[in-house]
Amino acid sequence: MGAKPKRGRPRLLENELSRWIDDNLAEGDDGKAPRDRFAALVGIARSGVDRLCGSQGGPSLKMAAKIAAATNDAVPVQFWVTDGE
């Protein structure tokens, strides 16, 4: 049996978080999409996960720490820190 096709439209932007979610969270038995499951894991709305995955701003320091913990440091706090460029 072939791989299940991805839902939704193709992404224009991706980052470490979006790739981690795609690689590590499958659609649940309850039918929830991986980003919905990650949102519940870190305690934010799905729209917040979409914003972070689309590189449309960064999280607070507290949320960056939650993301680092949820991803076992695959997406570390330092990922969200920019040098002002």
Protein backbone atom coordinates (compact mmCIF):
# COMPACT_ATOMS: atom_id res chain seq x y z
CA MET A 1 0.00 0.00 0.00
CA GLY A 2 1.36 3.45 -0.91
CA ALA A 3 2.13 6.33 1.38
CA LYS A 4 -0.80 8.42 2.51
CA PRO A 5 -0.90 11.76 0.67
CA LYS A 6 -0.31 14.91 2.72
CA ARG A 7 -3.32 17.05 3.51
CA GLY A 8 -3.67 20.70 2.57
CA ARG A 9 -1.90 22.92 0.11
CA PRO A 10 1.86 22.82 -0.51
CA ARG A 11 3.90 24.89 1.94
CA LEU A 12 5.77 27.95 0.80
CA LEU A 13 7.88 28.17 3.96
CA GLU A 14 9.30 25.47 6.18
CA ASN A 15 11.64 25.52 9.13
CA GLU A 16 13.09 23.10 11.66
CA LEU A 17 9.85 22.94 13.63
CA SER A 18 7.65 22.14 10.63
CA ARG A 19 10.09 19.46 9.47
CA TRP A 20 10.26 17.95 12.99
CA ILE A 21 6.48 17.77 13.19
CA ASP A 22 6.25 16.14 9.75
CA ASP A 23 8.97 13.61 10.58
CA ASN A 24 7.92 12.74 14.13
CA LEU A 25 4.17 13.11 14.52
CA ALA A 26 1.74 11.06 12.48
CA GLU A 27 -1.95 11.69 12.19
CA GLY A 28 -3.54 10.28 15.30
CA ASP A 29 -6.12 7.52 15.55
CA ASP A 30 -8.56 10.28 16.47
CA GLY A 31 -8.04 11.90 13.07
CA LYS A 32 -6.14 14.89 14.42
CA ALA A 33 -3.48 16.34 12.15
CA PRO A 34 0.15 16.39 13.35
CA ARG A 35 0.10 20.15 13.93
CA ASP A 36 -3.06 19.83 16.04
CA ARG A 37 -1.33 17.16 18.12
CA PHE A 38 1.78 19.32 18.55
CA ALA A 39 -0.37 22.30 19.55
CA ALA A 40 -1.95 20.23 22.31
CA LEU A 41 1.47 18.97 23.38
CA VAL A 42 2.86 22.47 23.98
CA GLY A 43 -0.41 24.09 25.03
CA ILE A 44 -1.14 26.55 22.23
CA ALA A 45 -3.72 26.90 19.46
CA ARG A 46 -3.17 25.27 16.08
CA SER A 47 -2.95 28.74 14.54
CA GLY A 48 0.05 29.44 16.78
CA VAL A 49 1.81 26.33 15.51
CA ASP A 50 1.03 27.34 11.93
CA ARG A 51 2.51 30.78 12.58
CA LEU A 52 5.69 29.31 14.08
CA CYS A 53 6.05 26.74 11.30
CA GLY A 54 5.64 29.44 8.67
CA SER A 55 8.43 31.54 10.19
CA GLN A 56 5.94 34.33 10.86
CA GLY A 57 7.49 35.42 14.12
CA GLY A 58 9.06 33.59 16.97
CA PRO A 59 7.79 32.27 20.27
CA SER A 60 8.30 33.72 23.71
CA LEU A 61 11.28 32.38 25.63
CA LYS A 62 8.93 30.24 27.72
CA MET A 63 7.30 28.75 24.60
CA ALA A 64 10.70 28.21 22.94
CA ALA A 65 11.70 26.19 26.02
CA LYS A 66 8.48 24.12 25.76
CA ILE A 67 9.16 23.48 22.07
CA ALA A 68 12.74 22.43 22.84
CA ALA A 69 11.50 20.04 25.52
CA ALA A 70 8.73 18.61 23.30
CA THR A 71 11.20 17.99 20.46
CA ASN A 72 13.98 16.65 22.71
CA ASP A 73 16.11 19.65 21.65
CA ALA A 74 15.77 18.87 17.95
CA VAL A 75 14.41 22.44 17.75
CA PRO A 76 16.47 24.17 20.45
CA VAL A 77 15.75 27.54 22.00
CA GLN A 78 18.70 28.93 20.04
CA PHE A 79 16.87 28.23 16.77
CA TRP A 80 14.49 31.08 17.51
CA VAL A 81 17.18 33.61 18.42
CA THR A 82 18.23 35.92 15.61
CA ASP A 83 21.21 38.24 15.46
CA GLY A 84 19.13 41.21 14.32
CA GLU A 85 19.49 40.62 10.58
